[in-house]
Amino acid sequence: MTLSAASALAFAATAFVDSDLVIKGITLDGQQFRPSDWSDRLCGVMSAFGADEQLRYSPLVTPALRDGLRCVIVKRELAELEPRLFRFFLSFAVDNDLQITFDADGVATLLPDTVRRMSRDTPVAPPLAPTKNEDY
């Protein structure tokens, strides 16, 4: 079910959000949202570079693919941890007239690249052994 902007904001204003927010890359009038990498850019707000110098998305805000459309899934936990940040993502969708749904199973549609990145165990370099300096 796609919500109107007013309904979505009213829903998010409640104290308890019980489903993930899914922002679809299609406007309310059916136009595809541009640029094509908008979901990656939006998720970049909460991303960080790991020890391997690879960009890692937050597990709370991830790009996804649903019905052939790029989406962003904002986990419901973000509404509890950082309500203002949750509202930022919701406001982005509302300001750009994007379709919004609240879905309890949003993670099931993560982009394969994202799933691979999230599930990959980052190898941790072993600690460097102290070197002996015998020149003293």
C-alpha atoms as a PDB file:
ATOM      1  CA  MET A   1       0.000   0.000   0.000  1.00  0.00           C
ATOM      2  CA  THR A   2       1.442   3.355  -1.049  1.00  0.00           C
ATOM      3  CA  LEU A   3       0.744   6.253   1.298  1.00  0.00           C
ATOM      4  CA  SER A   4       0.175   9.903   0.551  1.00  0.00           C
ATOM      5  CA  ALA A   5       2.699  12.397   1.881  1.00  0.00           C
ATOM      6  CA  ALA A   6       0.404  13.549   4.675  1.00  0.00           C
ATOM      7  CA  SER A   7      -0.412   9.984   5.700  1.00  0.00           C
ATOM      8  CA  ALA A   8       3.259   8.983   5.704  1.00  0.00           C
ATOM      9  CA  LEU A   9       4.282  11.941   7.856  1.00  0.00           C
ATOM     10  CA  ALA A  10       1.401  11.306  10.250  1.00  0.00           C
ATOM     11  CA  PHE A  11       2.359   7.636  10.465  1.00  0.00           C
ATOM     12  CA  ALA A  12       6.002   8.449  11.181  1.00  0.00           C
ATOM     13  CA  ALA A  13       4.991  10.968  13.837  1.00  0.00           C
ATOM     14  CA  THR A  14       3.526   8.167  15.941  1.00  0.00           C
ATOM     15  CA  ALA A  15       5.669   7.024  18.806  1.00  0.00           C
ATOM     16  CA  PHE A  16       6.087   3.471  17.496  1.00  0.00           C
ATOM     17  CA  VAL A  17       6.910   2.565  13.900  1.00  0.00           C
ATOM     18  CA  ASP A  18       6.349  -1.165  13.533  1.00  0.00           C
ATOM     19  CA  SER A  19       7.452  -1.644   9.917  1.00  0.00           C
ATOM     20  CA  ASP A  20      10.354  -0.755   7.691  1.00  0.00           C
ATOM     21  CA  LEU A  21      10.028   2.324   5.493  1.00  0.00           C
ATOM     22  CA  VAL A  22      10.438   1.558   1.785  1.00  0.00           C
ATOM     23  CA  ILE A  23      11.085   4.544  -0.488  1.00  0.00           C
ATOM     24  CA  LYS A  24      10.472   3.578  -4.103  1.00  0.00           C
ATOM     25  CA  GLY A  25      12.254   5.164  -7.053  1.00  0.00           C
ATOM     26  CA  ILE A  26       9.019   6.143  -8.738  1.00  0.00           C
ATOM     27  CA  THR A  27       7.037   9.331  -8.260  1.00  0.00           C
ATOM     28  CA  LEU A  28       3.385   9.482  -7.292  1.00  0.00           C
ATOM     29  CA  ASP A  29       2.506  10.234 -10.927  1.00  0.00           C
ATOM     30  CA  GLY A  30       4.410   7.152 -12.162  1.00  0.00           C
ATOM     31  CA  GLN A  31       7.637   8.743 -13.422  1.00  0.00           C
ATOM     32  CA  GLN A  32      10.957   7.046 -12.698  1.00  0.00           C
ATOM     33  CA  PHE A  33      13.033   9.070 -10.242  1.00  0.00           C
ATOM     34  CA  ARG A  34      16.380  10.359 -11.492  1.00  0.00           C
ATOM     35  CA  PRO A  35      19.358  10.182 -11.246  1.00  0.00           C
ATOM     36  CA  SER A  36      19.570   6.417 -11.556  1.00  0.00           C
ATOM     37  CA  ASP A  37      21.947   6.123  -8.581  1.00  0.00           C
ATOM     38  CA  TRP A  38      19.720   8.103  -6.231  1.00  0.00           C
ATOM     39  CA  SER A  39      19.345   5.186  -3.810  1.00  0.00           C
ATOM     40  CA  ASP A  40      23.111   4.776  -3.449  1.00  0.00           C
ATOM     41  CA  ARG A  41      23.525   8.507  -2.890  1.00  0.00           C
ATOM     42  CA  LEU A  42      20.772   8.617  -0.302  1.00  0.00           C
ATOM     43  CA  CYS A  43      22.150   5.596   1.560  1.00  0.00           C
ATOM     44  CA  GLY A  44      25.553   7.262   1.467  1.00  0.00           C
ATOM     45  CA  VAL A  45      24.291   9.635   4.146  1.00  0.00           C
ATOM     46  CA  MET A  46      24.787   6.836   6.674  1.00  0.00           C
ATOM     47  CA  SER A  47      27.669   4.947   5.056  1.00  0.00           C
ATOM     48  CA  ALA A  48      31.282   4.690   6.133  1.00  0.00           C
ATOM     49  CA  PHE A  49      34.515   3.303   4.773  1.00  0.00           C
ATOM     50  CA  GLY A  50      35.669   0.068   6.374  1.00  0.00           C
ATOM     51  CA  ALA A  51      39.192  -1.016   7.213  1.00  0.00           C
ATOM     52  CA  ASP A  52      39.489  -2.460   3.697  1.00  0.00           C
ATOM     53  CA  GLU A  53      38.707   0.991   2.239  1.00  0.00           C
ATOM     54  CA  GLN A  54      35.382  -0.262   0.853  1.00  0.00           C
ATOM     55  CA  LEU A  55      32.191   1.728   1.351  1.00  0.00           C
ATOM     56  CA  ARG A  56      29.793   0.036   3.759  1.00  0.00           C
ATOM     57  CA  TYR A  57      26.127   0.952   4.011  1.00  0.00           C
ATOM     58  CA  SER A  58      24.528   1.113   7.395  1.00  0.00           C
ATOM     59  CA  PRO A  59      22.366  -1.936   8.147  1.00  0.00           C
ATOM     60  CA  LEU A  60      19.622   0.555   9.014  1.00  0.00           C
ATOM     61  CA  VAL A  61      19.488   2.251   5.577  1.00  0.00           C
ATOM     62  CA  THR A  62      20.159   0.117   2.517  1.00  0.00           C
ATOM     63  CA  PRO A  63      19.554   0.309  -1.241  1.00  0.00           C
ATOM     64  CA  ALA A  64      17.254  -2.372  -2.626  1.00  0.00           C
ATOM     65  CA  LEU A  65      15.535  -3.551  -5.776  1.00  0.00           C
ATOM     66  CA  ARG A  66      11.810  -4.197  -5.708  1.00  0.00           C
ATOM     67  CA  ASP A  67       9.705  -4.970  -8.784  1.00  0.00           C
ATOM     68  CA  GLY A  68      12.524  -3.685 -10.989  1.00  0.00           C
ATOM     69  CA  LEU A  69      12.646  -0.337  -9.155  1.00  0.00           C
ATOM     70  CA  ARG A  70      15.482   0.988  -7.060  1.00  0.00           C
ATOM     71  CA  CYS A  71      14.358   1.538  -3.503  1.00  0.00           C
ATOM     72  CA  VAL A  72      15.769   2.498  -0.152  1.00  0.00           C
ATOM     73  CA  ILE A  73      14.819   0.493   2.904  1.00  0.00           C
ATOM     74  CA  VAL A  74      14.941   2.388   6.177  1.00  0.00           C
ATOM     75  CA  LYS A  75      14.731  -0.032   9.074  1.00  0.00           C
ATOM     76  CA  ARG A  76      12.166   0.698  11.763  1.00  0.00           C
ATOM     77  CA  GLU A  77      14.921   0.638  14.404  1.00  0.00           C
ATOM     78  CA  LEU A  78      16.170   3.968  13.049  1.00  0.00           C
ATOM     79  CA  ALA A  79      12.896   5.594  14.126  1.00  0.00           C
ATOM     80  CA  GLU A  80      13.657   4.534  17.707  1.00  0.00           C
ATOM     81  CA  LEU A  81      17.394   5.259  17.674  1.00  0.00           C
ATOM     82  CA  GLU A  82      17.417   8.514  15.684  1.00  0.00           C
ATOM     83  CA  PRO A  83      13.883   9.843  15.049  1.00  0.00           C
ATOM     84  CA  ARG A  84      15.154  13.007  13.333  1.00  0.00           C
ATOM     85  CA  LEU A  85      17.207  10.968  10.884  1.00  0.00           C
ATOM     86  CA  PHE A  86      14.227   8.710  10.180  1.00  0.00           C
ATOM     87  CA  ARG A  87      12.142  11.812   9.456  1.00  0.00           C
ATOM     88  CA  PHE A  88      14.933  13.093   7.163  1.00  0.00           C
ATOM     89  CA  PHE A  89      14.577  10.024   4.933  1.00  0.00           C
ATOM     90  CA  LEU A  90      10.810  10.267   5.015  1.00  0.00           C
ATOM     91  CA  SER A  91      10.941  13.988   4.188  1.00  0.00           C
ATOM     92  CA  PHE A  92      13.271  13.258   1.251  1.00  0.00           C
ATOM     93  CA  ALA A  93      10.637  10.940  -0.169  1.00  0.00           C
ATOM     94  CA  VAL A  94       7.802  13.385   0.457  1.00  0.00           C
ATOM     95  CA  ASP A  95       9.711  16.376  -0.967  1.00  0.00           C
ATOM     96  CA  ASN A  96      10.476  14.435  -4.161  1.00  0.00           C
ATOM     97  CA  ASP A  97       6.939  12.983  -4.489  1.00  0.00           C
ATOM     98  CA  LEU A  98       8.262   9.435  -4.224  1.00  0.00           C
ATOM     99  CA  GLN A  99       6.044   6.475  -3.460  1.00  0.00           C
ATOM    100  CA  ILE A 100       6.355   5.291   0.125  1.00  0.00           C
ATOM    101  CA  THR A 101       5.300   2.049   1.745  1.00  0.00           C
ATOM    102  CA  PHE A 102       5.741   0.605   5.190  1.00  0.00           C
ATOM    103  CA  ASP A 103       6.659  -3.040   4.910  1.00  0.00           C
ATOM    104  CA  ALA A 104       7.576  -5.458   7.682  1.00  0.00           C
ATOM    105  CA  ASP A 105       9.655  -7.573   5.272  1.00  0.00           C
ATOM    106  CA  GLY A 106      11.591  -4.884   3.432  1.00  0.00           C
ATOM    107  CA  VAL A 107      14.968  -6.569   3.813  1.00  0.00           C
ATOM    108  CA  ALA A 108      13.940  -9.453   1.557  1.00  0.00           C
ATOM    109  CA  THR A 109      14.559  -7.295  -1.515  1.00  0.00           C
ATOM    110  CA  LEU A 110      18.059  -6.016  -0.864  1.00  0.00           C
ATOM    111  CA  LEU A 111      20.197  -5.585  -3.946  1.00  0.00           C
ATOM    112  CA  PRO A 112      22.496  -8.602  -4.398  1.00  0.00           C
ATOM    113  CA  ASP A 113      25.550  -6.348  -4.211  1.00  0.00           C
ATOM    114  CA  THR A 114      24.359  -4.942  -0.898  1.00  0.00           C
ATOM    115  CA  VAL A 115      23.652  -8.370   0.547  1.00  0.00           C
ATOM    116  CA  ARG A 116      27.094  -9.540  -0.521  1.00  0.00           C
ATOM    117  CA  ARG A 117      28.712  -6.479   1.045  1.00  0.00           C
ATOM    118  CA  MET A 118      26.739  -6.811   4.281  1.00  0.00           C
ATOM    119  CA  SER A 119      27.324 -10.536   4.688  1.00  0.00           C
ATOM    120  CA  ARG A 120      30.980 -10.626   3.707  1.00  0.00           C
ATOM    121  CA  ASP A 121      33.252 -11.138   6.663  1.00  0.00           C
ATOM    122  CA  THR A 122      35.825  -8.409   6.508  1.00  0.00           C
ATOM    123  CA  PRO A 123      39.202  -9.992   7.127  1.00  0.00           C
ATOM    124  CA  VAL A 124      40.928  -8.426  10.054  1.00  0.00           C
ATOM    125  CA  ALA A 125      44.659  -8.038   9.722  1.00  0.00           C
ATOM    126  CA  PRO A 126      46.564  -9.783  12.482  1.00  0.00           C
ATOM    127  CA  PRO A 127      48.252  -7.441  14.920  1.00  0.00           C
ATOM    128  CA  LEU A 128      51.796  -6.603  14.030  1.00  0.00           C
ATOM    129  CA  ALA A 129      54.350  -8.452  16.100  1.00  0.00           C
ATOM    130  CA  PRO A 130      56.757  -6.148  17.884  1.00  0.00           C
ATOM    131  CA  THR A 131      60.038  -5.971  16.076  1.00  0.00           C
ATOM    132  CA  LYS A 132      63.267  -6.368  17.894  1.00  0.00           C
ATOM    133  CA  ASN A 133      65.792  -3.666  17.359  1.00  0.00           C
ATOM    134  CA  GLU A 134      69.192  -4.934  18.195  1.00  0.00           C
ATOM    135  CA  ASP A 135      71.047  -1.733  17.389  1.00  0.00           C
ATOM    136  CA  TYR A 136      71.087  -0.353  20.912  1.00  0.00           C
END
